[in-house]
Full PDB file with SEQRES, HELIX, SHEET, SSBOND, CRYST1, ORIGX, SCALE, CONECT and MASTER records, all heavy atoms in Angstrom:
SEQRES   1 A   33  SER SER LEU LEU GLU CYS LYS ASP ALA PRO ALA VAL PRO          
SEQRES   2 A   33  ALA LYS GLY ALA GLY SER LYS ALA ALA ALA ASN PHE VAL          
SEQRES   3 A   33  VAL ASP LEU TYR ASP ALA HIS                                  
HELIX    1 AA1 SER A   19  ALA A   32  1                                  14    
CRYST1    1.000    1.000    1.000  90.00  90.00  90.00 P 1           1          
ORIGX1      1.000000  0.000000  0.000000        0.00000                         
ORIGX2      0.000000  1.000000  0.000000        0.00000                         
ORIGX3      0.000000  0.000000  1.000000        0.00000                         
SCALE1      1.000000  0.000000  0.000000        0.00000                         
SCALE2      0.000000  1.000000  0.000000        0.00000                         
SCALE3      0.000000  0.000000  1.000000        0.00000                         
ATOM      1  N   SER A   1       2.917  16.600  16.396  1.00  0.00           N  
ATOM      2  CA  SER A   1       2.492  15.295  16.388  1.00  0.00           C  
ATOM      3  C   SER A   1       2.268  14.754  14.959  1.00  0.00           C  
ATOM      4  O   SER A   1       2.315  13.513  14.769  1.00  0.00           O  
ATOM      5  CB  SER A   1       1.228  15.037  17.308  1.00  0.00           C  
ATOM      6  OG  SER A   1       0.291  15.912  16.851  1.00  0.00           O  
ATOM      7  N   SER A   2       1.986  15.589  14.125  1.00  0.00           N  
ATOM      8  CA  SER A   2       1.596  15.093  12.657  1.00  0.00           C  
ATOM      9  C   SER A   2       2.855  14.575  11.969  1.00  0.00           C  
ATOM     10  O   SER A   2       2.763  13.870  10.999  1.00  0.00           O  
ATOM     11  CB  SER A   2       1.083  16.295  11.828  1.00  0.00           C  
ATOM     12  OG  SER A   2       2.138  17.340  11.844  1.00  0.00           O  
ATOM     13  N   LEU A   3       4.033  14.783  12.618  1.00  0.00           N  
ATOM     14  CA  LEU A   3       5.203  14.276  12.037  1.00  0.00           C  
ATOM     15  C   LEU A   3       5.642  13.047  12.690  1.00  0.00           C  
ATOM     16  O   LEU A   3       6.669  12.381  12.224  1.00  0.00           O  
ATOM     17  CB  LEU A   3       6.402  15.229  12.113  1.00  0.00           C  
ATOM     18  CG  LEU A   3       6.231  16.567  11.399  1.00  0.00           C  
ATOM     19  CD1 LEU A   3       7.445  17.495  11.637  1.00  0.00           C  
ATOM     20  CD2 LEU A   3       6.044  16.366   9.907  1.00  0.00           C  
ATOM     21  N   LEU A   4       4.892  12.546  13.712  1.00  0.00           N  
ATOM     22  CA  LEU A   4       5.364  11.358  14.486  1.00  0.00           C  
ATOM     23  C   LEU A   4       4.586  10.174  14.121  1.00  0.00           C  
ATOM     24  O   LEU A   4       4.737   9.010  14.569  1.00  0.00           O  
ATOM     25  CB  LEU A   4       5.164  11.651  15.932  1.00  0.00           C  
ATOM     26  CG  LEU A   4       6.107  12.811  16.497  1.00  0.00           C  
ATOM     27  CD1 LEU A   4       5.675  13.005  17.877  1.00  0.00           C  
ATOM     28  CD2 LEU A   4       7.501  12.466  16.366  1.00  0.00           C  
ATOM     29  N   GLU A   5       3.703  10.237  13.149  1.00  0.00           N  
ATOM     30  CA  GLU A   5       2.961   9.030  12.659  1.00  0.00           C  
ATOM     31  C   GLU A   5       2.911   9.033  11.190  1.00  0.00           C  
ATOM     32  O   GLU A   5       2.702  10.009  10.474  1.00  0.00           O  
ATOM     33  CB  GLU A   5       1.522   9.057  13.157  1.00  0.00           C  
ATOM     34  CG  GLU A   5       1.400   8.843  14.698  1.00  0.00           C  
ATOM     35  CD  GLU A   5       0.012   8.748  15.123  1.00  0.00           C  
ATOM     36  OE1 GLU A   5      -0.906   8.377  14.389  1.00  0.00           O  
ATOM     37  OE2 GLU A   5      -0.294   9.028  16.336  1.00  0.00           O  
ATOM     38  N   CYS A   6       3.215   7.836  10.677  1.00  0.00           N  
ATOM     39  CA  CYS A   6       3.245   7.664   9.184  1.00  0.00           C  
ATOM     40  C   CYS A   6       2.059   6.858   8.797  1.00  0.00           C  
ATOM     41  O   CYS A   6       1.367   6.206   9.560  1.00  0.00           O  
ATOM     42  CB  CYS A   6       4.509   6.882   8.787  1.00  0.00           C  
ATOM     43  SG  CYS A   6       6.109   7.721   9.207  1.00  0.00           S  
ATOM     44  N   LYS A   7       1.675   6.920   7.445  1.00  0.00           N  
ATOM     45  CA  LYS A   7       0.678   6.115   6.973  1.00  0.00           C  
ATOM     46  C   LYS A   7       1.038   4.663   7.115  1.00  0.00           C  
ATOM     47  O   LYS A   7       2.173   4.261   7.019  1.00  0.00           O  
ATOM     48  CB  LYS A   7       0.499   6.468   5.478  1.00  0.00           C  
ATOM     49  CG  LYS A   7      -0.005   7.799   5.147  1.00  0.00           C  
ATOM     50  CD  LYS A   7      -0.082   7.925   3.592  1.00  0.00           C  
ATOM     51  CE  LYS A   7      -0.730   9.310   3.202  1.00  0.00           C  
ATOM     52  NZ  LYS A   7      -0.844   9.533   1.818  1.00  0.00           N  
ATOM     53  N   ASP A   8       0.042   3.809   7.375  1.00  0.00           N  
ATOM     54  CA  ASP A   8       0.255   2.434   7.350  1.00  0.00           C  
ATOM     55  C   ASP A   8       0.540   1.876   6.010  1.00  0.00           C  
ATOM     56  O   ASP A   8       0.092   2.432   4.999  1.00  0.00           O  
ATOM     57  CB  ASP A   8      -1.025   1.699   7.898  1.00  0.00           C  
ATOM     58  CG  ASP A   8      -1.314   1.982   9.357  1.00  0.00           C  
ATOM     59  OD1 ASP A   8      -0.290   2.347  10.094  1.00  0.00           O  
ATOM     60  OD2 ASP A   8      -2.443   1.959   9.746  1.00  0.00           O  
ATOM     61  N   ALA A   9       1.300   0.812   5.924  1.00  0.00           N  
ATOM     62  CA  ALA A   9       1.617   0.071   4.717  1.00  0.00           C  
ATOM     63  C   ALA A   9       0.187  -0.600   4.374  1.00  0.00           C  
ATOM     64  O   ALA A   9      -0.615  -1.022   5.218  1.00  0.00           O  
ATOM     65  CB  ALA A   9       2.612  -0.946   4.905  1.00  0.00           C  
ATOM     66  N   PRO A  10       0.012  -0.611   3.090  1.00  0.00           N  
ATOM     67  CA  PRO A  10      -1.319  -1.170   2.640  1.00  0.00           C  
ATOM     68  C   PRO A  10      -1.318  -2.804   2.821  1.00  0.00           C  
ATOM     69  O   PRO A  10      -0.258  -3.345   2.848  1.00  0.00           O  
ATOM     70  CB  PRO A  10      -1.351  -0.917   1.091  1.00  0.00           C  
ATOM     71  CG  PRO A  10       0.089  -0.762   0.755  1.00  0.00           C  
ATOM     72  CD  PRO A  10       0.716  -0.161   1.943  1.00  0.00           C  
ATOM     73  N   ALA A  11      -2.513  -3.363   2.876  1.00  0.00           N  
ATOM     74  CA  ALA A  11      -2.597  -4.698   2.999  1.00  0.00           C  
ATOM     75  C   ALA A  11      -2.163  -5.490   1.592  1.00  0.00           C  
ATOM     76  O   ALA A  11      -2.372  -4.835   0.558  1.00  0.00           O  
ATOM     77  CB  ALA A  11      -4.051  -5.191   3.368  1.00  0.00           C  
ATOM     78  N   VAL A  12      -1.609  -6.522   1.718  1.00  0.00           N  
ATOM     79  CA  VAL A  12      -1.072  -7.265   0.487  1.00  0.00           C  
ATOM     80  C   VAL A  12      -2.352  -7.750  -0.143  1.00  0.00           C  
ATOM     81  O   VAL A  12      -3.228  -8.315   0.499  1.00  0.00           O  
ATOM     82  CB  VAL A  12      -0.135  -8.394   0.872  1.00  0.00           C  
ATOM     83  CG1 VAL A  12       0.188  -9.212  -0.407  1.00  0.00           C  
ATOM     84  CG2 VAL A  12       1.188  -7.816   1.535  1.00  0.00           C  
ATOM     85  N   PRO A  13      -2.553  -7.620  -1.513  1.00  0.00           N  
ATOM     86  CA  PRO A  13      -3.642  -8.123  -2.187  1.00  0.00           C  
ATOM     87  C   PRO A  13      -3.818  -9.663  -1.969  1.00  0.00           C  
ATOM     88  O   PRO A  13      -2.751 -10.405  -1.767  1.00  0.00           O  
ATOM     89  CB  PRO A  13      -3.417  -7.802  -3.648  1.00  0.00           C  
ATOM     90  CG  PRO A  13      -2.312  -6.741  -3.625  1.00  0.00           C  
ATOM     91  CD  PRO A  13      -1.515  -7.000  -2.393  1.00  0.00           C  
ATOM     92  N   ALA A  14      -4.975 -10.132  -1.961  1.00  0.00           N  
ATOM     93  CA  ALA A  14      -5.249 -11.547  -1.813  1.00  0.00           C  
ATOM     94  C   ALA A  14      -4.615 -12.301  -3.017  1.00  0.00           C  
ATOM     95  O   ALA A  14      -4.493 -11.702  -4.135  1.00  0.00           O  
ATOM     96  CB  ALA A  14      -6.733 -11.772  -1.838  1.00  0.00           C  
ATOM     97  N   LYS A  15      -4.279 -13.453  -2.791  1.00  0.00           N  
ATOM     98  CA  LYS A  15      -3.716 -14.372  -3.866  1.00  0.00           C  
ATOM     99  C   LYS A  15      -4.674 -14.402  -5.062  1.00  0.00           C  
ATOM    100  O   LYS A  15      -5.897 -14.631  -4.773  1.00  0.00           O  
ATOM    101  CB  LYS A  15      -3.378 -15.751  -3.294  1.00  0.00           C  
ATOM    102  CG  LYS A  15      -2.824 -16.621  -4.295  1.00  0.00           C  
ATOM    103  CD  LYS A  15      -2.283 -17.967  -3.594  1.00  0.00           C  
ATOM    104  CE  LYS A  15      -1.491 -18.816  -4.527  1.00  0.00           C  
ATOM    105  NZ  LYS A  15      -1.089 -20.029  -3.966  1.00  0.00           N  
ATOM    106  N   GLY A  16      -4.110 -14.160  -6.194  1.00  0.00           N  
ATOM    107  CA  GLY A  16      -4.940 -14.215  -7.445  1.00  0.00           C  
ATOM    108  C   GLY A  16      -5.743 -12.961  -7.658  1.00  0.00           C  
ATOM    109  O   GLY A  16      -6.607 -12.968  -8.563  1.00  0.00           O  
ATOM    110  N   ALA A  17      -5.396 -11.778  -6.938  1.00  0.00           N  
ATOM    111  CA  ALA A  17      -6.243 -10.640  -7.063  1.00  0.00           C  
ATOM    112  C   ALA A  17      -6.132 -10.023  -8.442  1.00  0.00           C  
ATOM    113  O   ALA A  17      -6.931  -9.187  -8.768  1.00  0.00           O  
ATOM    114  CB  ALA A  17      -5.856  -9.621  -5.968  1.00  0.00           C  
ATOM    115  N   GLY A  18      -5.042 -10.178  -9.167  1.00  0.00           N  
ATOM    116  CA  GLY A  18      -4.871  -9.556 -10.395  1.00  0.00           C  
ATOM    117  C   GLY A  18      -3.825  -8.483 -10.457  1.00  0.00           C  
ATOM    118  O   GLY A  18      -3.362  -7.929  -9.430  1.00  0.00           O  
ATOM    119  N   SER A  19      -3.493  -8.076 -11.689  1.00  0.00           N  
ATOM    120  CA  SER A  19      -2.446  -7.030 -11.901  1.00  0.00           C  
ATOM    121  C   SER A  19      -2.786  -5.722 -11.437  1.00  0.00           C  
ATOM    122  O   SER A  19      -1.910  -4.911 -11.007  1.00  0.00           O  
ATOM    123  CB  SER A  19      -1.895  -7.045 -13.391  1.00  0.00           C  
ATOM    124  OG  SER A  19      -2.954  -6.810 -14.166  1.00  0.00           O  
ATOM    125  N   LYS A  20      -4.081  -5.311 -11.625  1.00  0.00           N  
ATOM    126  CA  LYS A  20      -4.526  -3.978 -11.093  1.00  0.00           C  
ATOM    127  C   LYS A  20      -4.387  -3.926  -9.652  1.00  0.00           C  
ATOM    128  O   LYS A  20      -3.954  -2.963  -9.128  1.00  0.00           O  
ATOM    129  CB  LYS A  20      -6.041  -3.760 -11.565  1.00  0.00           C  
ATOM    130  CG  LYS A  20      -6.482  -2.389 -11.218  1.00  0.00           C  
ATOM    131  CD  LYS A  20      -7.907  -2.049 -11.708  1.00  0.00           C  
ATOM    132  CE  LYS A  20      -8.292  -0.648 -11.290  1.00  0.00           C  
ATOM    133  NZ  LYS A  20      -9.653  -0.438 -11.813  1.00  0.00           N  
ATOM    134  N   ALA A  21      -4.783  -4.875  -8.902  1.00  0.00           N  
ATOM    135  CA  ALA A  21      -4.652  -4.908  -7.483  1.00  0.00           C  
ATOM    136  C   ALA A  21      -3.117  -4.920  -7.113  1.00  0.00           C  
ATOM    137  O   ALA A  21      -2.799  -4.126  -6.106  1.00  0.00           O  
ATOM    138  CB  ALA A  21      -5.347  -6.114  -6.801  1.00  0.00           C  
ATOM    139  N   ALA A  22      -2.348  -5.573  -7.806  1.00  0.00           N  
ATOM    140  CA  ALA A  22      -0.860  -5.555  -7.502  1.00  0.00           C  
ATOM    141  C   ALA A  22      -0.239  -4.177  -7.807  1.00  0.00           C  
ATOM    142  O   ALA A  22       0.419  -3.640  -6.986  1.00  0.00           O  
ATOM    143  CB  ALA A  22      -0.165  -6.601  -8.302  1.00  0.00           C  
ATOM    144  N   ALA A  23      -0.670  -3.497  -8.903  1.00  0.00           N  
ATOM    145  CA  ALA A  23      -0.304  -2.188  -9.205  1.00  0.00           C  
ATOM    146  C   ALA A  23      -0.593  -1.206  -8.185  1.00  0.00           C  
ATOM    147  O   ALA A  23       0.120  -0.283  -7.762  1.00  0.00           O  
ATOM    148  CB  ALA A  23      -0.703  -1.802 -10.632  1.00  0.00           C  
ATOM    149  N   ASN A  24      -1.939  -1.206  -7.700  1.00  0.00           N  
ATOM    150  CA  ASN A  24      -2.436  -0.328  -6.796  1.00  0.00           C  
ATOM    151  C   ASN A  24      -1.701  -0.564  -5.390  1.00  0.00           C  
ATOM    152  O   ASN A  24      -1.374   0.454  -4.713  1.00  0.00           O  
ATOM    153  CB  ASN A  24      -3.916  -0.511  -6.515  1.00  0.00           C  
ATOM    154  CG  ASN A  24      -4.779   0.038  -7.689  1.00  0.00           C  
ATOM    155  OD1 ASN A  24      -4.345   0.955  -8.343  1.00  0.00           O  
ATOM    156  ND2 ASN A  24      -5.917  -0.508  -7.798  1.00  0.00           N  
ATOM    157  N   PHE A  25      -1.406  -1.760  -5.036  1.00  0.00           N  
ATOM    158  CA  PHE A  25      -0.557  -2.099  -3.878  1.00  0.00           C  
ATOM    159  C   PHE A  25       0.768  -1.349  -3.936  1.00  0.00           C  
ATOM    160  O   PHE A  25       1.185  -0.764  -3.085  1.00  0.00           O  
ATOM    161  CB  PHE A  25      -0.425  -3.606  -3.732  1.00  0.00           C  
ATOM    162  CG  PHE A  25       0.571  -3.934  -2.637  1.00  0.00           C  
ATOM    163  CD1 PHE A  25       0.180  -3.868  -1.282  1.00  0.00           C  
ATOM    164  CD2 PHE A  25       1.841  -4.488  -2.993  1.00  0.00           C  
ATOM    165  CE1 PHE A  25       1.226  -4.207  -0.289  1.00  0.00           C  
ATOM    166  CE2 PHE A  25       2.716  -4.740  -2.026  1.00  0.00           C  
ATOM    167  CZ  PHE A  25       2.385  -4.676  -0.667  1.00  0.00           C  
ATOM    168  N   VAL A  26       1.460  -1.528  -5.038  1.00  0.00           N  
ATOM    169  CA  VAL A  26       2.790  -0.839  -5.285  1.00  0.00           C  
ATOM    170  C   VAL A  26       2.727   0.607  -5.002  1.00  0.00           C  
ATOM    171  O   VAL A  26       3.526   1.260  -4.424  1.00  0.00           O  
ATOM    172  CB  VAL A  26       3.395  -1.242  -6.584  1.00  0.00           C  
ATOM    173  CG1 VAL A  26       4.675  -0.447  -6.767  1.00  0.00           C  
ATOM    174  CG2 VAL A  26       3.727  -2.787  -6.627  1.00  0.00           C  
ATOM    175  N   VAL A  27       1.693   1.194  -5.718  1.00  0.00           N  
ATOM    176  CA  VAL A  27       1.565   2.655  -5.595  1.00  0.00           C  
ATOM    177  C   VAL A  27       1.177   3.094  -4.187  1.00  0.00           C  
ATOM    178  O   VAL A  27       1.839   4.078  -3.671  1.00  0.00           O  
ATOM    179  CB  VAL A  27       0.368   3.172  -6.560  1.00  0.00           C  
ATOM    180  CG1 VAL A  27      -0.025   4.670  -6.328  1.00  0.00           C  
ATOM    181  CG2 VAL A  27       0.831   2.920  -8.045  1.00  0.00           C  
ATOM    182  N   ASP A  28       0.249   2.368  -3.497  1.00  0.00           N  
ATOM    183  CA  ASP A  28       0.023   2.752  -2.093  1.00  0.00           C  
ATOM    184  C   ASP A  28       1.189   2.401  -1.098  1.00  0.00           C  
ATOM    185  O   ASP A  28       1.363   3.213  -0.240  1.00  0.00           O  
ATOM    186  CB  ASP A  28      -1.234   1.836  -1.662  1.00  0.00           C  
ATOM    187  CG  ASP A  28      -2.467   2.263  -2.340  1.00  0.00           C  
ATOM    188  OD1 ASP A  28      -2.489   3.361  -3.006  1.00  0.00           O  
ATOM    189  OD2 ASP A  28      -3.536   1.548  -2.313  1.00  0.00           O  
ATOM    190  N   LEU A  29       1.962   1.388  -1.446  1.00  0.00           N  
ATOM    191  CA  LEU A  29       3.118   1.169  -0.650  1.00  0.00           C  
ATOM    192  C   LEU A  29       4.180   2.247  -0.765  1.00  0.00           C  
ATOM    193  O   LEU A  29       4.791   2.706   0.194  1.00  0.00           O  
ATOM    194  CB  LEU A  29       3.816  -0.185  -1.024  1.00  0.00           C  
ATOM    195  CG  LEU A  29       4.907  -0.741  -0.113  1.00  0.00           C  
ATOM    196  CD1 LEU A  29       4.472  -0.888   1.365  1.00  0.00           C  
ATOM    197  CD2 LEU A  29       5.450  -2.002  -0.703  1.00  0.00           C  
ATOM    198  N   TYR A  30       4.350   2.659  -2.006  1.00  0.00           N  
ATOM    199  CA  TYR A  30       5.231   3.789  -2.295  1.00  0.00           C  
ATOM    200  C   TYR A  30       4.779   5.057  -1.513  1.00  0.00           C  
ATOM    201  O   TYR A  30       5.526   5.797  -0.903  1.00  0.00           O  
ATOM    202  CB  TYR A  30       5.478   4.065  -3.811  1.00  0.00           C  
ATOM    203  CG  TYR A  30       6.439   5.238  -4.009  1.00  0.00           C  
ATOM    204  CD1 TYR A  30       7.760   5.079  -3.902  1.00  0.00           C  
ATOM    205  CD2 TYR A  30       5.845   6.472  -4.242  1.00  0.00           C  
ATOM    206  CE1 TYR A  30       8.603   6.206  -4.141  1.00  0.00           C  
ATOM    207  CE2 TYR A  30       6.633   7.526  -4.428  1.00  0.00           C  
ATOM    208  CZ  TYR A  30       8.045   7.401  -4.440  1.00  0.00           C  
ATOM    209  OH  TYR A  30       8.920   8.511  -4.570  1.00  0.00           O  
ATOM    210  N   ASP A  31       3.521   5.294  -1.608  1.00  0.00           N  
ATOM    211  CA  ASP A  31       2.932   6.513  -0.906  1.00  0.00           C  
ATOM    212  C   ASP A  31       3.187   6.422   0.539  1.00  0.00           C  
ATOM    213  O   ASP A  31       3.490   7.530   1.117  1.00  0.00           O  
ATOM    214  CB  ASP A  31       1.437   6.529  -1.300  1.00  0.00           C  
ATOM    215  CG  ASP A  31       0.765   7.831  -0.655  1.00  0.00           C  
ATOM    216  OD1 ASP A  31       1.341   8.952  -0.972  1.00  0.00           O  
ATOM    217  OD2 ASP A  31      -0.216   7.642  -0.068  1.00  0.00           O  
ATOM    218  N   ALA A  32       3.028   5.365   1.196  1.00  0.00           N  
ATOM    219  CA  ALA A  32       3.250   5.177   2.573  1.00  0.00           C  
ATOM    220  C   ALA A  32       4.733   5.431   2.941  1.00  0.00           C  
ATOM    221  O   ALA A  32       5.080   6.028   3.906  1.00  0.00           O  
ATOM    222  CB  ALA A  32       2.796   3.751   3.092  1.00  0.00           C  
ATOM    223  N   HIS A  33       5.674   4.880   2.052  1.00  0.00           N  
ATOM    224  CA  HIS A  33       7.108   5.119   2.300  1.00  0.00           C  
ATOM    225  C   HIS A  33       7.374   6.596   2.176  1.00  0.00           C  
ATOM    226  O   HIS A  33       8.092   7.137   2.991  1.00  0.00           O  
ATOM    227  CB  HIS A  33       7.834   4.338   1.203  1.00  0.00           C  
ATOM    228  CG  HIS A  33       9.227   4.831   1.124  1.00  0.00           C  
ATOM    229  ND1 HIS A  33      10.266   4.606   1.911  1.00  0.00           N  
ATOM    230  CD2 HIS A  33       9.797   5.602   0.080  1.00  0.00           C  
ATOM    231  CE1 HIS A  33      11.378   5.219   1.570  1.00  0.00           C  
ATOM    232  NE2 HIS A  33      11.068   5.831   0.451  1.00  0.00           N  
TER     233      HIS A  33                                                      
MASTER        0    0    0    1    0    0    0    6  232    1    0    3          
END                                                                             
């Protein structure tokens, strides 16, 4: 069962959140993929 569920995609940062939030989003999205 551990192979049948994947990590959720992260929430998109709020508009104007900044480059650090955008970078963290990209890293977390890649991790989920």
